[in-house]
Structures are given as structure tokens and as C-alpha cells.
Amino acid sequence: MNNYELMVIFTPVLSEEEYKAAQKKFAAIVTDNGGEVLHTNPWGLKSLAYPIAKKTTGLYWVMEYKAPTIFNEKLKTQLLRDESVMRHMYTVLDKYA
């Protein structure tokens, strides 16, 4: 299992409860598929470098997790299906960093 970092930009129209529910949803997807959430860091509302879908701000959230390699395709599918997600990116973390 590798360590990964996931950054998600949620739409800024989410309420605080919806924002927290979305975070719990994706953390639960990781744990339900045999992964382990190592750390989460909600950044909150930040300005975007360029507009996405005519929005200039977004709710940022970062999660570090450990999961099997094949899990990332399942996670990607769930992120693309969720209408509250504007952008996402996951990267492999160096185990020596």
C-alpha cells in the first residue's frame, strides 16, 4: 500500500454542514475499501487562480491516506460523479519525505 495525498476543491455554495458531510463521505470511501486515513486538513474558502465554472472561489480540502494502488480508480470515479467537486488531484507521497 502506498501513501497518497488528495486535494479536492468543492463548490463554494456548500453550507458548512454539507462541506463536512462531503469530507466524511470521501474519508469513508477510503476506509471502506481497505485504506487508512492518515491526516485531513480542511483549508476552507480560498480564491482560485482562474475561474472554474464561473466561480472564483472554492472550498479546499486535503487528505493524506494509505490505500492499495487499484483503489485510486474507484476514488476517481466517485469524485467525478459528485456534483459538489469542482476539481481534484491525488499524488503519490514519497515514503522518505
N, C-alpha and C. Protein backbone atom coordinates (compact mmCIF):
# COMPACT_ATOMS: atom_id res chain seq x y z
N MET A 1 0.84 -1.18 0.00
CA MET A 1 0.00 0.00 0.00
C MET A 1 0.88 1.24 0.00
N ASN A 2 0.48 2.21 -0.81
CA ASN A 2 1.22 3.46 -0.93
C ASN A 2 0.53 4.57 -0.17
N ASN A 3 1.28 5.61 0.13
CA ASN A 3 0.72 6.81 0.74
C ASN A 3 0.37 7.80 -0.36
N TYR A 4 -0.81 8.42 -0.24
CA TYR A 4 -1.28 9.37 -1.23
C TYR A 4 -1.76 10.63 -0.54
N GLU A 5 -1.79 11.71 -1.32
CA GLU A 5 -2.39 12.95 -0.87
C GLU A 5 -3.47 13.33 -1.87
N LEU A 6 -4.64 13.62 -1.38
CA LEU A 6 -5.77 14.02 -2.22
C LEU A 6 -6.13 15.46 -1.89
N MET A 7 -6.21 16.30 -2.92
CA MET A 7 -6.70 17.66 -2.74
C MET A 7 -7.98 17.79 -3.55
N VAL A 8 -9.02 18.27 -2.89
CA VAL A 8 -10.32 18.44 -3.53
C VAL A 8 -10.74 19.90 -3.39
N ILE A 9 -11.28 20.46 -4.47
CA ILE A 9 -11.88 21.79 -4.42
C ILE A 9 -13.38 21.60 -4.60
N PHE A 10 -14.11 21.89 -3.53
CA PHE A 10 -15.56 21.79 -3.56
C PHE A 10 -16.15 23.13 -4.00
N THR A 11 -17.36 23.09 -4.52
CA THR A 11 -18.05 24.30 -4.93
C THR A 11 -18.29 25.21 -3.72
N PRO A 12 -18.16 26.52 -3.88
CA PRO A 12 -18.27 27.42 -2.72
C PRO A 12 -19.70 27.61 -2.21
N VAL A 13 -20.69 27.07 -2.89
CA VAL A 13 -22.08 27.26 -2.45
C VAL A 13 -22.51 26.25 -1.38
N LEU A 14 -21.61 25.35 -0.99
CA LEU A 14 -21.93 24.38 0.05
C LEU A 14 -22.03 25.06 1.42
N SER A 15 -22.98 24.61 2.22
CA SER A 15 -23.05 25.09 3.60
C SER A 15 -21.95 24.38 4.41
N GLU A 16 -21.75 24.83 5.62
CA GLU A 16 -20.72 24.23 6.48
C GLU A 16 -21.02 22.75 6.74
N GLU A 17 -22.30 22.42 6.93
CA GLU A 17 -22.69 21.02 7.17
C GLU A 17 -22.46 20.16 5.94
N GLU A 18 -22.79 20.69 4.76
CA GLU A 18 -22.58 19.94 3.52
C GLU A 18 -21.09 19.74 3.24
N TYR A 19 -20.29 20.75 3.57
CA TYR A 19 -18.84 20.67 3.39
C TYR A 19 -18.26 19.56 4.28
N LYS A 20 -18.68 19.52 5.54
CA LYS A 20 -18.20 18.48 6.46
C LYS A 20 -18.72 17.11 6.06
N ALA A 21 -19.95 17.03 5.57
CA ALA A 21 -20.51 15.75 5.14
C ALA A 21 -19.76 15.21 3.93
N ALA A 22 -19.37 16.09 3.02
CA ALA A 22 -18.60 15.67 1.84
C ALA A 22 -17.22 15.15 2.26
N GLN A 23 -16.60 15.80 3.24
CA GLN A 23 -15.30 15.34 3.74
C GLN A 23 -15.44 13.95 4.34
N LYS A 24 -16.47 13.75 5.16
CA LYS A 24 -16.69 12.44 5.79
C LYS A 24 -16.99 11.37 4.75
N LYS A 25 -17.71 11.76 3.71
CA LYS A 25 -18.07 10.81 2.66
C LYS A 25 -16.82 10.24 1.98
N PHE A 26 -15.90 11.11 1.60
CA PHE A 26 -14.70 10.63 0.90
C PHE A 26 -13.73 9.94 1.84
N ALA A 27 -13.68 10.34 3.10
CA ALA A 27 -12.86 9.62 4.08
C ALA A 27 -13.43 8.23 4.30
N ALA A 28 -14.76 8.11 4.31
CA ALA A 28 -15.39 6.80 4.49
C ALA A 28 -15.15 5.89 3.29
N ILE A 29 -15.10 6.46 2.10
CA ILE A 29 -14.81 5.67 0.90
C ILE A 29 -13.43 5.04 1.02
N VAL A 30 -12.48 5.79 1.54
CA VAL A 30 -11.12 5.26 1.72
C VAL A 30 -11.12 4.10 2.71
N THR A 31 -11.73 4.30 3.86
CA THR A 31 -11.70 3.25 4.89
C THR A 31 -12.55 2.04 4.50
N ASP A 32 -13.64 2.25 3.78
CA ASP A 32 -14.50 1.14 3.36
C ASP A 32 -13.82 0.24 2.33
N ASN A 33 -12.82 0.76 1.63
CA ASN A 33 -12.13 -0.01 0.60
C ASN A 33 -10.76 -0.48 1.06
N GLY A 34 -10.56 -0.61 2.35
CA GLY A 34 -9.32 -1.17 2.88
C GLY A 34 -8.19 -0.18 3.05
N GLY A 35 -8.48 1.10 2.95
CA GLY A 35 -7.45 2.11 3.14
C GLY A 35 -7.47 2.66 4.55
N GLU A 36 -6.60 3.61 4.79
CA GLU A 36 -6.48 4.24 6.11
C GLU A 36 -6.25 5.73 5.93
N VAL A 37 -7.08 6.54 6.56
CA VAL A 37 -6.91 7.99 6.52
C VAL A 37 -5.85 8.37 7.53
N LEU A 38 -4.78 9.01 7.07
CA LEU A 38 -3.68 9.39 7.95
C LEU A 38 -3.86 10.80 8.51
N HIS A 39 -4.37 11.72 7.68
CA HIS A 39 -4.49 13.11 8.12
C HIS A 39 -5.46 13.84 7.19
N THR A 40 -6.30 14.69 7.76
CA THR A 40 -7.15 15.56 6.94
C THR A 40 -6.90 17.00 7.35
N ASN A 41 -7.02 17.90 6.38
CA ASN A 41 -6.78 19.31 6.63
C ASN A 41 -7.74 20.15 5.79
N PRO A 42 -8.86 20.59 6.37
CA PRO A 42 -9.76 21.46 5.61
C PRO A 42 -9.21 22.89 5.56
N TRP A 43 -8.92 23.37 4.37
CA TRP A 43 -8.37 24.71 4.21
C TRP A 43 -9.46 25.77 4.20
N GLY A 44 -10.67 25.40 3.84
CA GLY A 44 -11.77 26.36 3.79
C GLY A 44 -11.83 27.10 2.48
N LEU A 45 -12.46 28.25 2.50
CA LEU A 45 -12.70 29.04 1.29
C LEU A 45 -11.44 29.79 0.87
N LYS A 46 -11.01 29.55 -0.37
CA LYS A 46 -9.82 30.21 -0.93
C LYS A 46 -10.14 30.71 -2.33
N SER A 47 -9.42 31.71 -2.77
CA SER A 47 -9.56 32.20 -4.14
C SER A 47 -8.90 31.24 -5.11
N LEU A 48 -9.49 31.10 -6.29
CA LEU A 48 -8.93 30.26 -7.33
C LEU A 48 -7.99 31.09 -8.21
N ALA A 49 -7.02 30.44 -8.81
CA ALA A 49 -6.09 31.14 -9.69
C ALA A 49 -6.79 31.58 -10.98
N TYR A 50 -7.79 30.82 -11.39
CA TYR A 50 -8.60 31.14 -12.57
C TYR A 50 -10.01 30.62 -12.32
N PRO A 51 -11.01 31.22 -12.95
CA PRO A 51 -12.39 30.78 -12.71
C PRO A 51 -12.64 29.35 -13.20
N ILE A 52 -13.39 28.61 -12.41
CA ILE A 52 -13.83 27.27 -12.78
C ILE A 52 -15.35 27.29 -12.74
N ALA A 53 -15.99 27.02 -13.86
CA ALA A 53 -17.46 27.05 -13.97
C ALA A 53 -18.01 28.38 -13.46
N LYS A 54 -17.35 29.47 -13.83
CA LYS A 54 -17.74 30.84 -13.47
C LYS A 54 -17.68 31.11 -11.97
N LYS A 55 -16.91 30.32 -11.25
CA LYS A 55 -16.73 30.54 -9.81
C LYS A 55 -15.27 30.94 -9.57
N THR A 56 -15.07 31.93 -8.71
CA THR A 56 -13.72 32.44 -8.45
C THR A 56 -13.17 31.99 -7.10
N THR A 57 -13.99 31.28 -6.31
CA THR A 57 -13.54 30.74 -5.03
C THR A 57 -13.94 29.28 -4.93
N GLY A 58 -13.32 28.58 -4.00
CA GLY A 58 -13.65 27.18 -3.77
C GLY A 58 -13.29 26.77 -2.36
N LEU A 59 -13.93 25.71 -1.89
CA LEU A 59 -13.64 25.15 -0.56
C LEU A 59 -12.59 24.05 -0.72
N TYR A 60 -11.40 24.30 -0.22
CA TYR A 60 -10.30 23.35 -0.36
C TYR A 60 -10.29 22.35 0.78
N TRP A 61 -9.86 21.12 0.46
CA TRP A 61 -9.73 20.06 1.47
C TRP A 61 -8.59 19.14 1.05
N VAL A 62 -7.71 18.83 1.99
CA VAL A 62 -6.56 17.96 1.73
C VAL A 62 -6.65 16.75 2.66
N MET A 63 -6.42 15.56 2.10
CA MET A 63 -6.44 14.33 2.89
C MET A 63 -5.24 13.47 2.51
N GLU A 64 -4.51 13.02 3.51
CA GLU A 64 -3.44 12.04 3.29
C GLU A 64 -3.99 10.69 3.68
N TYR A 65 -3.76 9.69 2.82
CA TYR A 65 -4.30 8.36 3.09
C TYR A 65 -3.36 7.29 2.56
N LYS A 66 -3.56 6.09 3.07
CA LYS A 66 -2.80 4.92 2.65
C LYS A 66 -3.82 3.94 2.06
N ALA A 67 -3.57 3.47 0.84
CA ALA A 67 -4.53 2.59 0.18
C ALA A 67 -3.83 1.77 -0.90
N PRO A 68 -4.45 0.66 -1.33
CA PRO A 68 -3.92 -0.10 -2.45
C PRO A 68 -3.97 0.74 -3.73
N THR A 69 -3.09 0.45 -4.67
CA THR A 69 -2.99 1.22 -5.90
C THR A 69 -4.28 1.18 -6.71
N ILE A 70 -4.94 0.04 -6.76
CA ILE A 70 -6.14 -0.08 -7.59
C ILE A 70 -7.31 0.73 -7.03
N PHE A 71 -7.24 1.14 -5.79
CA PHE A 71 -8.32 1.91 -5.18
C PHE A 71 -8.48 3.28 -5.81
N ASN A 72 -7.41 3.88 -6.31
CA ASN A 72 -7.48 5.25 -6.81
C ASN A 72 -8.45 5.41 -7.97
N GLU A 73 -8.63 4.39 -8.79
CA GLU A 73 -9.61 4.47 -9.88
C GLU A 73 -11.03 4.53 -9.34
N LYS A 74 -11.30 3.78 -8.28
CA LYS A 74 -12.63 3.83 -7.65
C LYS A 74 -12.88 5.22 -7.06
N LEU A 75 -11.86 5.75 -6.41
CA LEU A 75 -11.99 7.08 -5.81
C LEU A 75 -12.19 8.13 -6.89
N LYS A 76 -11.45 8.02 -7.97
CA LYS A 76 -11.58 8.98 -9.07
C LYS A 76 -13.00 8.97 -9.64
N THR A 77 -13.57 7.79 -9.80
CA THR A 77 -14.94 7.67 -10.30
C THR A 77 -15.92 8.37 -9.38
N GLN A 78 -15.77 8.17 -8.07
CA GLN A 78 -16.67 8.81 -7.11
C GLN A 78 -16.50 10.34 -7.11
N LEU A 79 -15.28 10.81 -7.25
CA LEU A 79 -15.03 12.25 -7.28
C LEU A 79 -15.63 12.89 -8.53
N LEU A 80 -15.52 12.21 -9.67
CA LEU A 80 -16.08 12.75 -10.91
C LEU A 80 -17.60 12.75 -10.90
N ARG A 81 -18.21 11.81 -10.21
CA ARG A 81 -19.68 11.73 -10.15
C ARG A 81 -20.29 12.75 -9.20
N ASP A 82 -19.53 13.21 -8.23
CA ASP A 82 -20.06 14.13 -7.22
C ASP A 82 -20.13 15.55 -7.80
N GLU A 83 -21.32 16.12 -7.80
CA GLU A 83 -21.50 17.46 -8.38
C GLU A 83 -20.91 18.57 -7.52
N SER A 84 -20.64 18.30 -6.26
CA SER A 84 -20.07 19.34 -5.39
C SER A 84 -18.56 19.48 -5.58
N VAL A 85 -17.92 18.55 -6.30
CA VAL A 85 -16.48 18.59 -6.52
C VAL A 85 -16.20 19.33 -7.83
N MET A 86 -15.44 20.43 -7.74
CA MET A 86 -15.07 21.17 -8.95
C MET A 86 -13.78 20.61 -9.56
N ARG A 87 -12.79 20.33 -8.72
CA ARG A 87 -11.52 19.76 -9.18
C ARG A 87 -10.98 18.84 -8.09
N HIS A 88 -10.14 17.91 -8.52
CA HIS A 88 -9.45 17.04 -7.56
C HIS A 88 -8.11 16.63 -8.15
N MET A 89 -7.20 16.26 -7.26
CA MET A 89 -5.89 15.77 -7.69
C MET A 89 -5.33 14.91 -6.58
N TYR A 90 -4.86 13.73 -6.93
CA TYR A 90 -4.17 12.91 -5.94
C TYR A 90 -2.76 12.64 -6.43
N THR A 91 -1.83 12.62 -5.48
CA THR A 91 -0.43 12.38 -5.79
C THR A 91 0.11 11.32 -4.85
N VAL A 92 1.12 10.61 -5.33
CA VAL A 92 1.80 9.61 -4.50
C VAL A 92 2.82 10.34 -3.64
N LEU A 93 2.79 10.09 -2.35
CA LEU A 93 3.74 10.71 -1.44
C LEU A 93 4.99 9.85 -1.35
N ASP A 94 6.13 10.49 -1.32
CA ASP A 94 7.39 9.79 -1.16
C ASP A 94 7.47 9.26 0.27
N LYS A 95 7.75 7.98 0.42
CA LYS A 95 7.76 7.41 1.77
C LYS A 95 8.94 7.90 2.61
N TYR A 96 9.93 8.53 1.99
CA TYR A 96 11.08 9.04 2.73
C TYR A 96 10.97 10.53 3.03
N ALA A 97 9.93 11.17 2.55
CA ALA A 97 9.79 12.62 2.74
C ALA A 97 9.25 12.95 4.12
